[in-house]
């Protein structure tokens, strides 16, 4: 294929986000009866994906007692489907060159304050070594939208990441957050063995979208909106959606995420693998104070509502949020978090005091991976670096065969234990190792006796004896 970004062609495409309908549902469901709210929560606990009217009803349930019931429902649902494991990953920014002019983004083309940088392959190797030596197994690679970051470049950087081995460590799953490609571009990227491909619409409100994206390929609302359709057509069946909360009314954006989910289900028989809901944060050379924003209370509500609305979909909470808020929200159904993150290009392997000048926005959780893991254990969670489903073909529609009925728990907890034990053996501080072994023992005690538990105990001994990368 040719070098550069694909030609934007939206002929025949239409939006599947019915703006008028969303506003109508939000209006019709105001002041819902408590009985109706509780019925919807129960329907979700029965592992049903909610419909737009039901989500709108939960959004309009503003009585504090009902909100607490929504929170409790989200906690319960997460435990029923995924157990208490939390998957850990790190973002790795490959380059911050960009041809778009998104008004909220530090990478925008006309921002003269940001320092531009694209990793060379040796620099990428250094970053991977630094991340692996901290214990990471899962990454998301992030790219600006620029002709040099075409499908071939993404393919080659992914292959380079997978090729790195350091001691007992390696990166086993590489997810992607990058510009929308055409079908041929997505096919090439798939060949590299990627996990999930993320495209965030940023805002699903078309007028706001057009205002915030005045120039560059990203200014085309429909090309971006249908980006993950093309990924699916190319055979990438694990896709991630998201909205930048705070550009427009969070109620609308949350509803739109559900409509995007329904669209993928109807067209490809599989919803998104993950949903992200980052909040807008300050960025160098960027005035973000003028946006509507989302307060902490409403942010917690939208996370819990998303958990209830799409029971089988992973929810991602990032280091954009404060430690206190992350520790609170993680209970409402979040299944993936990043930890030990640095979003400056090249920042993992270099001590650059000005890495923020190469960053897209500001992070609010600066804890190390080891500290996050220790605190997760102390809070009763089991940290996980599992990549088993992806590598055994439990992706896309096959993943849903397990996830929708709630059977993922059979695989997730054992695989979490094995990958976490690897971390304890190879990377953990003494304090974290002690807390981790206690948590693993708790998990084993909670498991009913079975052949699988016996096999797990055997594999635990194998890991302690030096074996690695064992999974169910």
Protein backbone atom coordinates (compact mmCIF):
# COMPACT_ATOMS: atom_id res chain seq x y z
CA UNK A 1 0.00 0.00 0.00
CA UNK A 2 1.09 3.59 -0.43
CA UNK A 3 2.93 5.42 2.32
CA UNK A 4 0.80 7.83 4.31
CA UNK A 5 -2.66 8.02 5.73
CA UNK A 6 -5.48 6.51 3.65
CA UNK A 7 -7.73 8.61 1.46
CA UNK A 8 -10.84 9.64 3.36
CA UNK A 9 -13.91 8.34 1.52
CA UNK A 10 -17.30 8.60 3.23
CA UNK A 11 -19.55 8.22 0.19
CA UNK A 12 -22.71 6.38 1.19
CA UNK A 13 -21.99 6.51 4.93
CA UNK A 14 -24.55 7.74 7.42
CA UNK A 15 -24.39 8.35 11.14
CA UNK A 16 -25.78 5.61 13.36
CA UNK A 17 -25.99 8.00 16.32
CA UNK A 18 -29.61 9.24 16.41
CA UNK A 19 -29.13 12.55 18.19
CA UNK A 20 -32.81 13.52 18.30
CA UNK A 21 -33.76 10.11 19.67
CA UNK A 22 -31.12 10.35 22.40
CA UNK A 23 -32.40 13.71 23.59
CA UNK A 24 -35.97 12.40 23.47
CA UNK A 25 -35.11 9.41 25.67
CA UNK A 26 -33.31 11.64 28.14
CA UNK A 27 -36.39 13.85 28.31
CA UNK A 28 -39.00 11.06 28.46
CA UNK A 29 -37.33 9.18 31.30
CA UNK A 30 -36.94 12.06 33.75
CA UNK A 31 -37.94 11.43 37.38
CA UNK A 32 -38.16 7.63 37.03
CA UNK A 33 -40.03 5.55 39.59
CA UNK A 34 -37.71 3.68 41.98
CA UNK A 35 -39.37 0.39 41.04
CA UNK A 36 -38.49 0.96 37.39
CA UNK A 37 -34.85 1.71 38.23
CA UNK A 38 -34.58 -1.42 40.37
CA UNK A 39 -36.12 -3.55 37.63
CA UNK A 40 -33.53 -2.28 35.16
CA UNK A 41 -30.68 -3.00 37.57
CA UNK A 42 -31.97 -6.55 38.00
CA UNK A 43 -32.21 -7.02 34.24
CA UNK A 44 -28.55 -6.05 34.01
CA UNK A 45 -27.63 -8.41 36.84
CA UNK A 46 -29.24 -11.15 34.76
CA UNK A 47 -26.47 -10.29 32.24
CA UNK A 48 -28.64 -8.55 29.67
CA UNK A 49 -27.35 -5.64 27.66
CA UNK A 50 -29.65 -2.68 28.34
CA UNK A 51 -31.51 -0.73 25.68
CA UNK A 52 -31.39 3.07 25.28
CA UNK A 53 -34.59 3.70 27.23
CA UNK A 54 -33.21 1.71 30.16
CA UNK A 55 -29.88 3.51 30.14
CA UNK A 56 -31.63 6.89 29.97
CA UNK A 57 -33.71 5.88 32.98
CA UNK A 58 -30.59 5.09 34.99
CA UNK A 59 -29.02 8.38 33.93
CA UNK A 60 -32.10 10.23 35.19
CA UNK A 61 -32.14 8.37 38.52
CA UNK A 62 -30.69 11.21 40.56
CA UNK A 63 -32.05 10.39 44.02
CA UNK A 64 -28.96 9.60 46.18
CA UNK A 65 -30.46 6.33 47.40
CA UNK A 66 -31.15 5.17 43.85
CA UNK A 67 -27.67 6.23 42.74
CA UNK A 68 -26.20 4.10 45.53
CA UNK A 69 -28.29 1.17 44.32
CA UNK A 70 -26.86 1.70 40.84
CA UNK A 71 -23.34 1.72 42.32
CA UNK A 72 -24.04 -1.49 44.23
CA UNK A 73 -25.50 -3.11 41.13
CA UNK A 74 -22.34 -2.28 39.17
CA UNK A 75 -20.14 -3.73 41.92
CA UNK A 76 -22.18 -6.93 42.00
CA UNK A 77 -22.26 -7.34 38.22
CA UNK A 78 -18.51 -6.93 37.86
CA UNK A 79 -17.84 -9.58 40.48
CA UNK A 80 -20.34 -12.00 38.91
CA UNK A 81 -18.82 -11.78 35.45
CA UNK A 82 -15.12 -11.03 35.96
CA UNK A 83 -14.47 -11.80 39.62
CA UNK A 84 -12.28 -9.32 41.44
CA UNK A 85 -9.38 -9.31 39.00
CA UNK A 86 -8.03 -6.10 37.51
CA UNK A 87 -6.05 -6.25 34.28
CA UNK A 88 -2.98 -3.99 34.15
CA UNK A 89 -1.37 -2.33 31.15
CA UNK A 90 0.75 0.68 30.23
CA UNK A 91 0.44 3.22 27.40
CA UNK A 92 3.47 3.70 25.17
CA UNK A 93 3.47 6.79 22.98
CA UNK A 94 5.34 6.10 19.74
CA UNK A 95 5.14 9.60 18.27
CA UNK A 96 3.36 12.91 18.76
CA UNK A 97 3.50 14.40 15.27
CA UNK A 98 -0.03 15.21 14.10
CA UNK A 99 -1.76 16.88 11.17
CA UNK A 100 -5.04 17.51 13.00
CA UNK A 101 -5.99 20.61 14.97
CA UNK A 102 -8.22 19.23 17.73
CA UNK A 103 -8.76 22.20 20.01
CA UNK A 104 -8.46 20.21 23.26
CA UNK A 105 -5.31 18.24 22.40
CA UNK A 106 -1.70 19.07 23.15
CA UNK A 107 -0.58 17.25 19.99
CA UNK A 108 -2.56 19.48 17.60
CA UNK A 109 -0.60 20.64 14.58
CA UNK A 110 -0.64 24.37 15.40
CA UNK A 111 0.58 23.93 19.01
CA UNK A 112 4.08 25.46 19.02
CA UNK A 113 4.72 24.64 22.69
CA UNK A 114 4.75 20.86 22.39
CA UNK A 115 8.09 19.19 21.64
CA UNK A 116 7.72 16.83 18.67
CA UNK A 117 9.27 13.40 18.84
CA UNK A 118 8.93 10.03 17.09
CA UNK A 119 10.76 7.02 18.50
CA UNK A 120 13.39 5.36 16.33
CA UNK A 121 13.48 1.57 16.46
CA UNK A 122 16.47 1.56 18.88
CA UNK A 123 14.63 4.06 21.07
CA UNK A 124 11.52 1.88 20.94
CA UNK A 125 13.64 -1.07 22.04
CA UNK A 126 14.87 0.95 25.02
CA UNK A 127 11.31 1.80 26.00
CA UNK A 128 10.25 -1.84 25.81
CA UNK A 129 13.22 -2.94 27.90
CA UNK A 130 12.34 -0.37 30.57
CA UNK A 131 8.69 -1.45 30.64
CA UNK A 132 9.44 -5.18 30.65
CA UNK A 133 11.94 -4.73 33.47
CA UNK A 134 9.18 -3.16 35.55
CA UNK A 135 7.00 -6.21 34.98
CA UNK A 136 4.63 -5.10 32.23
CA UNK A 137 3.17 -7.67 29.84
CA UNK A 138 0.44 -5.65 28.10
CA UNK A 139 0.82 -2.34 26.26
CA UNK A 140 -1.26 0.03 24.23
CA UNK A 141 0.76 1.82 21.56
CA UNK A 142 -0.42 5.37 20.87
CA UNK A 143 0.29 7.33 17.69
CA UNK A 144 -0.52 10.82 16.52
CA UNK A 145 -2.34 11.12 13.20
CA UNK A 146 0.38 11.82 10.67
CA UNK A 147 1.40 10.38 7.26
CA UNK A 148 4.53 8.80 8.78
CA UNK A 149 2.35 6.75 11.16
CA UNK A 150 0.73 4.73 8.40
CA UNK A 151 -0.34 1.09 8.54
CA UNK A 152 3.12 -0.17 7.59
CA UNK A 153 4.76 1.87 10.36
CA UNK A 154 2.25 0.62 12.94
CA UNK A 155 2.77 -2.97 11.73
CA UNK A 156 6.54 -2.67 12.00
CA UNK A 157 6.53 -1.11 15.47
CA UNK A 158 4.19 -3.82 16.77
CA UNK A 159 6.46 -6.54 15.39
CA UNK A 160 9.44 -4.83 17.01
CA UNK A 161 7.70 -4.79 20.39
CA UNK A 162 6.88 -8.49 20.23
CA UNK A 163 10.47 -9.33 19.27
CA UNK A 164 11.93 -7.99 22.51
CA UNK A 165 12.82 -10.45 25.31
CA UNK A 166 14.47 -9.36 28.54
CA UNK A 167 15.18 -11.96 31.21
CA UNK A 168 11.90 -13.72 31.97
CA UNK A 169 9.93 -10.81 30.56
CA UNK A 170 8.26 -9.91 27.30
CA UNK A 171 5.26 -8.02 25.99
CA UNK A 172 2.51 -10.52 25.20
CA UNK A 173 -0.29 -8.26 24.02
CA UNK A 174 -0.05 -5.03 22.04
CA UNK A 175 -3.20 -2.97 21.65
CA UNK A 176 -3.38 0.06 19.37
CA UNK A 177 -4.77 3.58 19.67
CA UNK A 178 -4.25 5.25 16.32
CA UNK A 179 -5.94 6.98 13.41
CA UNK A 180 -8.69 5.22 11.45
CA UNK A 181 -7.37 3.24 8.49
CA UNK A 182 -8.95 1.87 5.35
CA UNK A 183 -9.69 -1.87 5.21
CA UNK A 184 -6.38 -2.71 3.56
CA UNK A 185 -4.50 -0.77 6.21
CA UNK A 186 -6.31 -2.58 9.00
CA UNK A 187 -5.51 -5.94 7.36
CA UNK A 188 -1.81 -5.10 7.38
CA UNK A 189 -1.91 -4.07 11.03
CA UNK A 190 -3.77 -7.27 11.93
CA UNK A 191 -0.92 -9.29 10.41
CA UNK A 192 1.35 -7.98 13.15
CA UNK A 193 -0.73 -9.82 15.75
CA UNK A 194 -2.32 -6.88 17.53
CA UNK A 195 -4.88 -7.24 20.28
CA UNK A 196 -7.55 -4.54 20.44
CA UNK A 197 -7.72 -1.55 18.07
CA UNK A 198 -9.10 1.54 19.78
CA UNK A 199 -10.66 4.54 18.07
CA UNK A 200 -12.26 7.12 20.33
CA UNK A 201 -14.89 9.27 18.69
CA UNK A 202 -14.04 11.97 21.28
CA UNK A 203 -17.57 13.40 21.04
CA UNK A 204 -20.54 11.78 19.31
CA UNK A 205 -22.37 15.12 19.11
CA UNK A 206 -21.78 16.05 15.50
CA UNK A 207 -21.94 19.85 15.79
CA UNK A 208 -19.53 19.78 18.74
CA UNK A 209 -17.30 17.35 16.86
CA UNK A 210 -17.07 19.64 13.85
CA UNK A 211 -16.31 22.63 16.06
CA UNK A 212 -13.55 20.83 17.97
CA UNK A 213 -11.92 19.31 14.87
CA UNK A 214 -11.62 22.20 12.41
CA UNK A 215 -8.94 20.73 10.12
CA UNK A 216 -7.04 17.58 9.26
CA UNK A 217 -8.37 14.09 8.44
CA UNK A 218 -9.99 13.87 11.85
CA UNK A 219 -12.37 16.67 10.91
CA UNK A 220 -14.42 14.07 8.99
CA UNK A 221 -16.98 12.84 11.53
CA UNK A 222 -18.26 9.91 9.46
CA UNK A 223 -14.82 8.57 8.52
CA UNK A 224 -13.94 8.28 12.20
CA UNK A 225 -17.37 7.04 13.27
CA UNK A 226 -17.18 4.11 10.81
CA UNK A 227 -13.49 3.40 11.48
CA UNK A 228 -14.09 0.34 13.61
CA UNK A 229 -16.52 -1.04 11.04
CA UNK A 230 -13.61 -1.13 8.61
CA UNK A 231 -11.43 -2.77 11.28
CA UNK A 232 -14.06 -5.49 11.69
CA UNK A 233 -14.27 -5.92 7.92
CA UNK A 234 -10.49 -6.44 7.95
CA UNK A 235 -10.79 -9.21 10.53
CA UNK A 236 -9.91 -7.26 13.68
CA UNK A 237 -12.69 -8.55 15.92
CA UNK A 238 -11.51 -6.94 19.17
CA UNK A 239 -12.22 -3.22 18.97
CA UNK A 240 -12.44 -0.50 21.61
CA UNK A 241 -14.69 2.55 21.63
CA UNK A 242 -14.56 5.66 23.78
CA UNK A 243 -15.56 9.26 24.28
CA UNK A 244 -13.60 12.15 25.76
CA UNK A 245 -15.93 13.06 28.58
CA UNK A 246 -16.32 16.77 29.08
CA UNK A 247 -16.38 18.02 25.50
CA UNK A 248 -20.19 17.77 25.52
CA UNK A 249 -22.92 16.66 27.96
CA UNK A 250 -21.82 13.36 29.55
CA UNK A 251 -25.39 12.07 29.45
CA UNK A 252 -25.47 12.29 25.66
CA UNK A 253 -22.00 10.76 25.25
CA UNK A 254 -22.85 7.83 27.53
CA UNK A 255 -26.00 7.14 25.53
CA UNK A 256 -24.03 7.40 22.28
CA UNK A 257 -21.53 4.81 23.49
CA UNK A 258 -24.47 2.43 23.94
CA UNK A 259 -25.76 3.18 20.43
CA UNK A 260 -22.26 2.51 19.05
CA UNK A 261 -22.28 -0.80 20.92
CA UNK A 262 -25.68 -1.71 19.47
CA UNK A 263 -24.48 -0.80 15.97
CA UNK A 264 -21.49 -3.16 16.26
CA UNK A 265 -23.68 -5.93 17.67
CA UNK A 266 -26.22 -5.62 14.88
CA UNK A 267 -23.70 -5.45 12.06
CA UNK A 268 -20.96 -7.80 13.29
CA UNK A 269 -22.71 -9.83 16.02
CA UNK A 270 -20.15 -8.67 18.57
CA UNK A 271 -19.98 -5.53 20.67
CA UNK A 272 -16.83 -3.62 21.60
CA UNK A 273 -14.18 -5.48 23.58
CA UNK A 274 -13.59 -2.36 25.69
CA UNK A 275 -15.16 1.02 26.41
CA UNK A 276 -13.08 3.97 27.57
CA UNK A 277 -14.32 7.19 29.13
CA UNK A 278 -11.32 9.49 29.65
CA UNK A 279 -12.08 12.94 31.04
CA UNK A 280 -10.61 16.01 29.42
CA UNK A 281 -7.40 17.10 31.20
CA UNK A 282 -5.09 20.12 30.92
CA UNK A 283 -2.45 19.99 28.18
CA UNK A 284 0.55 22.16 27.40
CA UNK A 285 -0.37 25.16 25.28
CA UNK A 286 -4.07 24.28 25.49
CA UNK A 287 -7.00 25.99 27.22
CA UNK A 288 -9.20 23.16 28.49
CA UNK A 289 -11.03 25.17 31.16
CA UNK A 290 -13.66 26.33 28.66
CA UNK A 291 -15.21 22.90 28.17
CA UNK A 292 -18.29 21.66 30.09
CA UNK A 293 -16.32 18.98 31.93
CA UNK A 294 -17.73 16.25 34.19
CA UNK A 295 -17.60 16.46 37.99
CA UNK A 296 -16.38 13.52 40.07
CA UNK A 297 -19.84 12.45 41.22
CA UNK A 298 -21.30 12.34 37.72
CA UNK A 299 -18.15 10.61 36.49
CA UNK A 300 -18.70 7.82 39.01
CA UNK A 301 -22.32 7.60 37.91
CA UNK A 302 -21.51 7.25 34.22
CA UNK A 303 -18.99 4.49 34.91
CA UNK A 304 -21.49 2.52 36.98
CA UNK A 305 -24.22 3.03 34.36
CA UNK A 306 -21.93 1.84 31.56
CA UNK A 307 -21.08 -1.25 33.60
CA UNK A 308 -24.78 -2.09 33.95
CA UNK A 309 -25.61 -1.24 30.35
CA UNK A 310 -22.98 -3.50 28.71
CA UNK A 311 -22.24 -6.28 31.21
CA UNK A 312 -19.79 -8.21 29.01
CA UNK A 313 -17.60 -5.30 27.91
CA UNK A 314 -14.32 -4.34 29.57
CA UNK A 315 -14.23 -0.86 31.10
CA UNK A 316 -10.91 1.03 31.12
CA UNK A 317 -9.98 3.62 33.77
CA UNK A 318 -6.74 5.55 33.23
CA UNK A 319 -4.13 7.50 35.16
CA UNK A 320 -5.81 10.71 34.04
CA UNK A 321 -7.79 10.38 37.27
CA UNK A 322 -6.50 10.94 40.80
CA UNK A 323 -5.44 8.07 43.05
CA UNK A 324 -8.40 8.66 45.37
CA UNK A 325 -10.96 8.70 42.56
CA UNK A 326 -9.44 5.66 40.86
CA UNK A 327 -9.56 3.69 44.10
CA UNK A 328 -13.23 4.60 44.43
CA UNK A 329 -14.38 4.05 40.85
CA UNK A 330 -12.51 0.79 40.40
CA UNK A 331 -15.19 -0.81 42.58
CA UNK A 332 -17.98 0.10 40.16
CA UNK A 333 -17.11 -2.39 37.47
CA UNK A 334 -13.82 -1.29 35.97
CA UNK A 335 -11.87 -4.26 34.61
CA UNK A 336 -8.69 -2.65 33.21
CA UNK A 337 -6.38 0.11 34.47
CA UNK A 338 -3.00 1.44 33.47
CA UNK A 339 -0.27 1.71 36.08
CA UNK A 340 3.22 3.18 36.26
CA UNK A 341 2.29 5.24 33.21
CA UNK A 342 4.26 8.02 31.53
CA UNK A 343 2.88 9.60 28.37
CA UNK A 344 5.95 11.58 27.35
CA UNK A 345 7.44 10.16 24.15
CA UNK A 346 10.54 8.23 25.22
CA UNK A 347 9.93 8.85 28.92
CA UNK A 348 10.17 5.28 30.25
CA UNK A 349 13.84 4.84 29.35
CA UNK A 350 15.13 8.39 29.88
CA UNK A 351 15.11 10.75 32.83
CA UNK A 352 13.59 13.72 31.06
CA UNK A 353 12.35 16.36 33.47
CA UNK A 354 10.53 18.07 30.59
CA UNK A 355 8.76 14.96 29.26
CA UNK A 356 5.46 16.75 29.88
CA UNK A 357 6.32 18.95 26.89
CA UNK A 358 6.07 15.83 24.73
CA UNK A 359 2.81 14.72 26.39
CA UNK A 360 -0.74 14.88 25.12
CA UNK A 361 -2.22 15.87 28.50
CA UNK A 362 -1.51 15.73 32.25
CA UNK A 363 -1.67 12.57 34.37
CA UNK A 364 -2.97 12.64 37.94
CA UNK A 365 -1.85 9.22 39.18
CA UNK A 366 1.93 8.95 39.32
CA UNK A 367 2.21 5.75 41.34
CA UNK A 368 4.63 3.05 40.22
CA UNK A 369 3.36 -0.27 38.90
CA UNK A 370 4.60 -1.97 42.06
CA UNK A 371 2.76 0.44 44.35
CA UNK A 372 -0.50 0.12 42.39
CA UNK A 373 -0.26 -3.68 42.55
CA UNK A 374 0.36 -3.67 46.30
CA UNK A 375 -2.60 -1.37 46.93
CA UNK A 376 -4.84 -3.51 44.70
CA UNK A 377 -3.97 -6.55 46.79
CA UNK A 378 -4.59 -4.70 50.03
CA UNK A 379 -8.01 -3.72 48.68
CA UNK A 380 -8.89 -7.33 47.87
CA UNK A 381 -8.29 -7.33 44.10
CA UNK A 382 -6.18 -9.80 42.14
CA UNK A 383 -3.88 -8.02 39.63
CA UNK A 384 -3.69 -9.68 36.22
CA UNK A 385 -1.41 -9.53 33.19
CA UNK A 386 -3.40 -12.26 31.43
CA UNK A 387 -3.35 -12.56 27.64
CA UNK A 388 -4.79 -16.08 27.46
CA UNK A 389 -8.10 -15.33 25.71
CA UNK A 390 -6.40 -13.39 22.94
CA UNK A 391 -3.76 -16.05 22.33
CA UNK A 392 -6.21 -18.96 22.39
CA UNK A 393 -8.58 -17.30 19.93
CA UNK A 394 -11.19 -16.31 22.52
CA UNK A 395 -11.72 -12.95 20.80
CA UNK A 396 -14.59 -11.19 19.09
CA UNK A 397 -17.68 -13.36 18.78
CA UNK A 398 -15.88 -16.32 20.37
CA UNK A 399 -15.09 -14.18 23.42
CA UNK A 400 -18.75 -13.24 23.73
CA UNK A 401 -19.72 -16.93 23.79
CA UNK A 402 -17.89 -17.09 27.09
CA UNK A 403 -18.33 -13.54 28.37
CA UNK A 404 -22.04 -12.98 27.92
CA UNK A 405 -23.07 -15.99 30.06
CA UNK A 406 -20.38 -15.05 32.60
CA UNK A 407 -18.03 -17.98 32.00
CA UNK A 408 -14.94 -15.78 31.60
CA UNK A 409 -14.47 -16.04 35.35
CA UNK A 410 -13.44 -19.67 34.87
CA UNK A 411 -10.43 -18.57 32.86
CA UNK A 412 -9.72 -15.10 34.17
CA UNK A 413 -9.06 -15.85 37.82
CA UNK A 414 -6.66 -18.79 37.24
CA UNK A 415 -4.81 -16.87 34.53
CA UNK A 416 -4.68 -13.78 36.72
CA UNK A 417 -3.08 -15.82 39.50
CA UNK A 418 -0.46 -17.31 37.20
CA UNK A 419 0.54 -14.03 35.57
CA UNK A 420 0.53 -12.23 38.91
CA UNK A 421 2.74 -14.90 40.42
CA UNK A 422 5.20 -14.30 37.58
CA UNK A 423 5.30 -10.65 38.62
CA UNK A 424 5.85 -11.59 42.26
CA UNK A 425 8.68 -13.99 41.38
CA UNK A 426 10.46 -11.69 38.93
CA UNK A 427 9.77 -8.03 39.74
CA UNK A 428 7.91 -7.32 42.97
CA UNK A 429 9.32 -5.46 45.93
CA UNK A 430 9.37 -7.51 49.17
CA UNK A 431 6.33 -5.62 50.49
CA UNK A 432 4.33 -6.18 47.33
CA UNK A 433 5.39 -9.82 47.11
CA UNK A 434 4.14 -10.42 50.65
CA UNK A 435 0.79 -8.73 49.96
CA UNK A 436 0.47 -10.56 46.66
CA UNK A 437 1.04 -14.02 48.10
CA UNK A 438 -1.62 -13.34 50.72
CA UNK A 439 -4.08 -12.32 48.00
CA UNK A 440 -3.30 -15.39 45.88
CA UNK A 441 -3.96 -17.59 48.91
CA UNK A 442 -7.32 -15.85 49.41
CA UNK A 443 -8.24 -16.53 45.80
CA UNK A 444 -7.34 -20.20 46.09
CA UNK A 445 -9.33 -20.61 49.31
CA UNK A 446 -12.39 -19.08 47.62
CA UNK A 447 -12.23 -21.54 44.70
CA UNK A 448 -14.34 -24.70 44.95
CA UNK A 449 -12.42 -27.95 44.69
CA UNK A 450 -12.24 -29.09 41.08
CA UNK A 451 -9.93 -30.60 38.48
CA UNK A 452 -9.18 -27.10 37.23
CA UNK A 453 -8.15 -25.94 40.71
CA UNK A 454 -5.85 -28.95 41.01
CA UNK A 455 -4.29 -28.09 37.64
CA UNK A 456 -3.91 -24.47 38.74
CA UNK A 457 -2.05 -25.52 41.88
CA UNK A 458 0.25 -27.65 39.74
CA UNK A 459 0.97 -24.71 37.46
CA UNK A 460 1.60 -22.42 40.42
CA UNK A 461 4.41 -24.77 41.45
CA UNK A 462 5.71 -24.74 37.88
CA UNK A 463 5.90 -20.95 37.93
CA UNK A 464 7.71 -21.03 41.28
CA UNK A 465 10.18 -23.47 39.71
CA UNK A 466 10.93 -21.12 36.83
CA UNK A 467 8.34 -21.90 34.14
CA UNK A 468 6.66 -18.90 32.53
CA UNK A 469 3.70 -18.08 30.29
CA UNK A 470 1.34 -20.78 31.54
CA UNK A 471 -2.37 -20.18 31.03
CA UNK A 472 -5.75 -21.83 30.65
